[in-house]
Amino acid sequence: MKPNKTPRKHAAFASSRRQKRKWMTAVACMAVLVAFGTIWALMMPAATLEGEAHW
């Protein structure tokens, strides 16, 4: 009779799934930071041309 490898496969799948979820969360956070940084960088020249920033 063959040994049952299902528990090991499940553990490996769950581990890789957790690692992928952490990686995707980090990438999503970086994307948000880049988006806000880009918006801020594009707003700053317009604010300085007006002479006074209206925050």
PDB file of N, CA and C in Angstrom:
ATOM      1  N   MET A   1       0.836  -1.180   0.000  1.00  0.00           N
ATOM      2  CA  MET A   1       0.000   0.000   0.000  1.00  0.00           C
ATOM      3  C   MET A   1       0.885   1.248   0.000  1.00  0.00           C
ATOM      4  N   LYS A   2       0.521   2.225  -0.813  1.00  0.00           N
ATOM      5  CA  LYS A   2       1.301   3.467  -0.894  1.00  0.00           C
ATOM      6  C   LYS A   2       1.030   4.364   0.313  1.00  0.00           C
ATOM      7  N   PRO A   3       2.057   5.087   0.760  1.00  0.00           N
ATOM      8  CA  PRO A   3       1.814   6.039   1.853  1.00  0.00           C
ATOM      9  C   PRO A   3       1.009   7.234   1.333  1.00  0.00           C
ATOM     10  N   ASN A   4       0.195   7.784   2.182  1.00  0.00           N
ATOM     11  CA  ASN A   4      -0.658   8.917   1.816  1.00  0.00           C
ATOM     12  C   ASN A   4       0.154  10.214   1.881  1.00  0.00           C
ATOM     13  N   LYS A   5       0.332  10.880   0.735  1.00  0.00           N
ATOM     14  CA  LYS A   5       1.116  12.107   0.682  1.00  0.00           C
ATOM     15  C   LYS A   5       0.236  13.356   0.708  1.00  0.00           C
ATOM     16  N   THR A   6      -1.063  13.167   0.839  1.00  0.00           N
ATOM     17  CA  THR A   6      -1.986  14.297   0.803  1.00  0.00           C
ATOM     18  C   THR A   6      -1.723  15.324   1.903  1.00  0.00           C
ATOM     19  N   PRO A   7      -1.507  14.935   3.154  1.00  0.00           N
ATOM     20  CA  PRO A   7      -1.248  15.956   4.185  1.00  0.00           C
ATOM     21  C   PRO A   7      -0.005  16.803   3.878  1.00  0.00           C
ATOM     22  N   ARG A   8       1.035  16.173   3.356  1.00  0.00           N
ATOM     23  CA  ARG A   8       2.244  16.941   3.029  1.00  0.00           C
ATOM     24  C   ARG A   8       1.988  17.900   1.874  1.00  0.00           C
ATOM     25  N   LYS A   9       1.224  17.436   0.873  1.00  0.00           N
ATOM     26  CA  LYS A   9       0.907  18.303  -0.263  1.00  0.00           C
ATOM     27  C   LYS A   9       0.053  19.473   0.196  1.00  0.00           C
ATOM     28  N   HIS A  10      -0.885  19.196   1.093  1.00  0.00           N
ATOM     29  CA  HIS A  10      -1.742  20.258   1.614  1.00  0.00           C
ATOM     30  C   HIS A  10      -0.921  21.276   2.397  1.00  0.00           C
ATOM     31  N   ALA A  11      -0.006  20.823   3.211  1.00  0.00           N
ATOM     32  CA  ALA A  11       0.843  21.725   3.990  1.00  0.00           C
ATOM     33  C   ALA A  11       1.714  22.576   3.072  1.00  0.00           C
ATOM     34  N   ALA A  12       2.259  21.966   2.030  1.00  0.00           N
ATOM     35  CA  ALA A  12       3.087  22.716   1.088  1.00  0.00           C
ATOM     36  C   ALA A  12       2.254  23.749   0.345  1.00  0.00           C
ATOM     37  N   PHE A  13       1.031  23.380  -0.050  1.00  0.00           N
ATOM     38  CA  PHE A  13       0.144  24.308  -0.745  1.00  0.00           C
ATOM     39  C   PHE A  13      -0.229  25.474   0.154  1.00  0.00           C
ATOM     40  N   ALA A  14      -0.583  25.176   1.412  1.00  0.00           N
ATOM     41  CA  ALA A  14      -0.967  26.222   2.357  1.00  0.00           C
ATOM     42  C   ALA A  14       0.204  27.156   2.623  1.00  0.00           C
ATOM     43  N   SER A  15       1.397  26.615   2.731  1.00  0.00           N
ATOM     44  CA  SER A  15       2.576  27.437   2.977  1.00  0.00           C
ATOM     45  C   SER A  15       2.853  28.364   1.795  1.00  0.00           C
ATOM     46  N   SER A  16       2.780  27.824   0.586  1.00  0.00           N
ATOM     47  CA  SER A  16       3.039  28.663  -0.584  1.00  0.00           C
ATOM     48  C   SER A  16       1.943  29.700  -0.754  1.00  0.00           C
ATOM     49  N   ARG A  17       0.709  29.354  -0.385  1.00  0.00           N
ATOM     50  CA  ARG A  17      -0.404  30.300  -0.474  1.00  0.00           C
ATOM     51  C   ARG A  17      -0.196  31.473   0.490  1.00  0.00           C
ATOM     52  N   ARG A  18       0.249  31.183   1.728  1.00  0.00           N
ATOM     53  CA  ARG A  18       0.525  32.249   2.704  1.00  0.00           C
ATOM     54  C   ARG A  18       1.648  33.146   2.220  1.00  0.00           C
ATOM     55  N   GLN A  19       2.689  32.547   1.664  1.00  0.00           N
ATOM     56  CA  GLN A  19       3.817  33.324   1.172  1.00  0.00           C
ATOM     57  C   GLN A  19       3.381  34.221   0.010  1.00  0.00           C
ATOM     58  N   LYS A  20       2.565  33.684  -0.888  1.00  0.00           N
ATOM     59  CA  LYS A  20       2.085  34.470  -2.023  1.00  0.00           C
ATOM     60  C   LYS A  20       1.192  35.613  -1.541  1.00  0.00           C
ATOM     61  N   ARG A  21       0.355  35.357  -0.539  1.00  0.00           N
ATOM     62  CA  ARG A  21      -0.529  36.400  -0.014  1.00  0.00           C
ATOM     63  C   ARG A  21       0.281  37.536   0.607  1.00  0.00           C
ATOM     64  N   LYS A  22       1.335  37.197   1.352  1.00  0.00           N
ATOM     65  CA  LYS A  22       2.200  38.230   1.946  1.00  0.00           C
ATOM     66  C   LYS A  22       2.874  39.051   0.851  1.00  0.00           C
ATOM     67  N   TRP A  23       3.345  38.369  -0.185  1.00  0.00           N
ATOM     68  CA  TRP A  23       4.016  39.053  -1.290  1.00  0.00           C
ATOM     69  C   TRP A  23       3.048  39.992  -2.002  1.00  0.00           C
ATOM     70  N   MET A  24       1.840  39.531  -2.270  1.00  0.00           N
ATOM     71  CA  MET A  24       0.847  40.358  -2.962  1.00  0.00           C
ATOM     72  C   MET A  24       0.435  41.558  -2.109  1.00  0.00           C
ATOM     73  N   THR A  25       0.360  41.386  -0.794  1.00  0.00           N
ATOM     74  CA  THR A  25       0.043  42.499   0.094  1.00  0.00           C
ATOM     75  C   THR A  25       1.148  43.548   0.036  1.00  0.00           C
ATOM     76  N   ALA A  26       2.388  43.104   0.055  1.00  0.00           N
ATOM     77  CA  ALA A  26       3.516  44.038  -0.027  1.00  0.00           C
ATOM     78  C   ALA A  26       3.511  44.783  -1.361  1.00  0.00           C
ATOM     79  N   VAL A  27       3.237  44.085  -2.447  1.00  0.00           N
ATOM     80  CA  VAL A  27       3.202  44.723  -3.768  1.00  0.00           C
ATOM     81  C   VAL A  27       2.062  45.728  -3.845  1.00  0.00           C
ATOM     82  N   ALA A  28       0.903  45.390  -3.284  1.00  0.00           N
ATOM     83  CA  ALA A  28      -0.235  46.304  -3.289  1.00  0.00           C
ATOM     84  C   ALA A  28       0.074  47.567  -2.485  1.00  0.00           C
ATOM     85  N   CYS A  29       0.720  47.414  -1.340  1.00  0.00           N
ATOM     86  CA  CYS A  29       1.100  48.580  -0.523  1.00  0.00           C
ATOM     87  C   CYS A  29       2.086  49.474  -1.268  1.00  0.00           C
ATOM     88  N   MET A  30       3.040  48.859  -1.923  1.00  0.00           N
ATOM     89  CA  MET A  30       4.007  49.639  -2.702  1.00  0.00           C
ATOM     90  C   MET A  30       3.312  50.376  -3.851  1.00  0.00           C
ATOM     91  N   ALA A  31       2.345  49.746  -4.492  1.00  0.00           N
ATOM     92  CA  ALA A  31       1.613  50.383  -5.583  1.00  0.00           C
ATOM     93  C   ALA A  31       0.840  51.596  -5.084  1.00  0.00           C
ATOM     94  N   VAL A  32       0.235  51.481  -3.907  1.00  0.00           N
ATOM     95  CA  VAL A  32      -0.492  52.614  -3.330  1.00  0.00           C
ATOM     96  C   VAL A  32       0.467  53.749  -3.018  1.00  0.00           C
ATOM     97  N   LEU A  33       1.612  53.444  -2.443  1.00  0.00           N
ATOM     98  CA  LEU A  33       2.607  54.481  -2.139  1.00  0.00           C
ATOM     99  C   LEU A  33       3.095  55.168  -3.404  1.00  0.00           C
ATOM    100  N   VAL A  34       3.339  54.410  -4.451  1.00  0.00           N
ATOM    101  CA  VAL A  34       3.796  54.993  -5.712  1.00  0.00           C
ATOM    102  C   VAL A  34       2.710  55.882  -6.303  1.00  0.00           C
ATOM    103  N   ALA A  35       1.459  55.433  -6.239  1.00  0.00           N
ATOM    104  CA  ALA A  35       0.358  56.235  -6.780  1.00  0.00           C
ATOM    105  C   ALA A  35       0.230  57.561  -6.030  1.00  0.00           C
ATOM    106  N   PHE A  36       0.233  57.519  -4.706  1.00  0.00           N
ATOM    107  CA  PHE A  36       0.129  58.756  -3.935  1.00  0.00           C
ATOM    108  C   PHE A  36       1.351  59.650  -4.155  1.00  0.00           C
ATOM    109  N   GLY A  37       2.519  59.053  -4.240  1.00  0.00           N
ATOM    110  CA  GLY A  37       3.727  59.847  -4.497  1.00  0.00           C
ATOM    111  C   GLY A  37       3.687  60.518  -5.854  1.00  0.00           C
ATOM    112  N   THR A  38       3.186  59.822  -6.852  1.00  0.00           N
ATOM    113  CA  THR A  38       3.080  60.395  -8.190  1.00  0.00           C
ATOM    114  C   THR A  38       2.078  61.545  -8.212  1.00  0.00           C
ATOM    115  N   ILE A  39       0.931  61.332  -7.586  1.00  0.00           N
ATOM    116  CA  ILE A  39      -0.076  62.398  -7.534  1.00  0.00           C
ATOM    117  C   ILE A  39       0.481  63.616  -6.813  1.00  0.00           C
ATOM    118  N   TRP A  40       1.150  63.387  -5.700  1.00  0.00           N
ATOM    119  CA  TRP A  40       1.723  64.503  -4.942  1.00  0.00           C
ATOM    120  C   TRP A  40       2.780  65.230  -5.768  1.00  0.00           C
ATOM    121  N   ALA A  41       3.641  64.479  -6.454  1.00  0.00           N
ATOM    122  CA  ALA A  41       4.699  65.093  -7.257  1.00  0.00           C
ATOM    123  C   ALA A  41       4.117  65.895  -8.417  1.00  0.00           C
ATOM    124  N   LEU A  42       3.012  65.467  -8.972  1.00  0.00           N
ATOM    125  CA  LEU A  42       2.385  66.211 -10.060  1.00  0.00           C
ATOM    126  C   LEU A  42       1.614  67.427  -9.555  1.00  0.00           C
ATOM    127  N   MET A  43       1.152  67.386  -8.313  1.00  0.00           N
ATOM    128  CA  MET A  43       0.437  68.530  -7.744  1.00  0.00           C
ATOM    129  C   MET A  43       1.380  69.643  -7.298  1.00  0.00           C
ATOM    130  N   MET A  44       2.557  69.304  -6.848  1.00  0.00           N
ATOM    131  CA  MET A  44       3.464  70.302  -6.279  1.00  0.00           C
ATOM    132  C   MET A  44       3.849  71.410  -7.254  1.00  0.00           C
ATOM    133  N   PRO A  45       4.223  71.142  -8.496  1.00  0.00           N
ATOM    134  CA  PRO A  45       4.547  72.243  -9.396  1.00  0.00           C
ATOM    135  C   PRO A  45       3.359  73.176  -9.616  1.00  0.00           C
ATOM    136  N   ALA A  46       2.149  72.639  -9.687  1.00  0.00           N
ATOM    137  CA  ALA A  46       0.969  73.473  -9.867  1.00  0.00           C
ATOM    138  C   ALA A  46       0.755  74.341  -8.626  1.00  0.00           C
ATOM    139  N   ALA A  47       0.978  73.799  -7.461  1.00  0.00           N
ATOM    140  CA  ALA A  47       0.796  74.562  -6.222  1.00  0.00           C
ATOM    141  C   ALA A  47       1.826  75.672  -6.106  1.00  0.00           C
ATOM    142  N   THR A  48       3.058  75.420  -6.554  1.00  0.00           N
ATOM    143  CA  THR A  48       4.074  76.457  -6.438  1.00  0.00           C
ATOM    144  C   THR A  48       3.897  77.534  -7.502  1.00  0.00           C
ATOM    145  N   LEU A  49       3.298  77.207  -8.623  1.00  0.00           N
ATOM    146  CA  LEU A  49       3.039  78.220  -9.640  1.00  0.00           C
ATOM    147  C   LEU A  49       1.932  79.189  -9.195  1.00  0.00           C
ATOM    148  N   GLU A  50       1.000  78.719  -8.391  1.00  0.00           N
ATOM    149  CA  GLU A  50      -0.048  79.588  -7.888  1.00  0.00           C
ATOM    150  C   GLU A  50       0.482  80.580  -6.860  1.00  0.00           C
ATOM    151  N   GLY A  51       1.574  80.251  -6.254  1.00  0.00           N
ATOM    152  CA  GLY A  51       2.171  81.147  -5.272  1.00  0.00           C
ATOM    153  C   GLY A  51       1.831  80.766  -3.851  1.00  0.00           C
ATOM    154  N   GLU A  52       0.619  80.293  -3.620  1.00  0.00           N
ATOM    155  CA  GLU A  52       0.220  79.884  -2.272  1.00  0.00           C
ATOM    156  C   GLU A  52      -0.569  78.592  -2.391  1.00  0.00           C
ATOM    157  N   ALA A  53      -0.148  77.607  -1.640  1.00  0.00           N
ATOM    158  CA  ALA A  53      -0.828  76.311  -1.685  1.00  0.00           C
ATOM    159  C   ALA A  53      -2.074  76.378  -0.814  1.00  0.00           C
ATOM    160  N   HIS A  54      -3.157  75.867  -1.310  1.00  0.00           N
ATOM    161  CA  HIS A  54      -4.416  75.830  -0.568  1.00  0.00           C
ATOM    162  C   HIS A  54      -4.649  74.434  -0.069  1.00  0.00           C
ATOM    163  N   TRP A  55      -4.043  74.062   1.044  1.00  0.00           N
ATOM    164  CA  TRP A  55      -4.174  72.718   1.591  1.00  0.00           C
ATOM    165  C   TRP A  55      -5.255  72.771   2.573  1.00  0.00           C
TER     166      TRP A  55
END
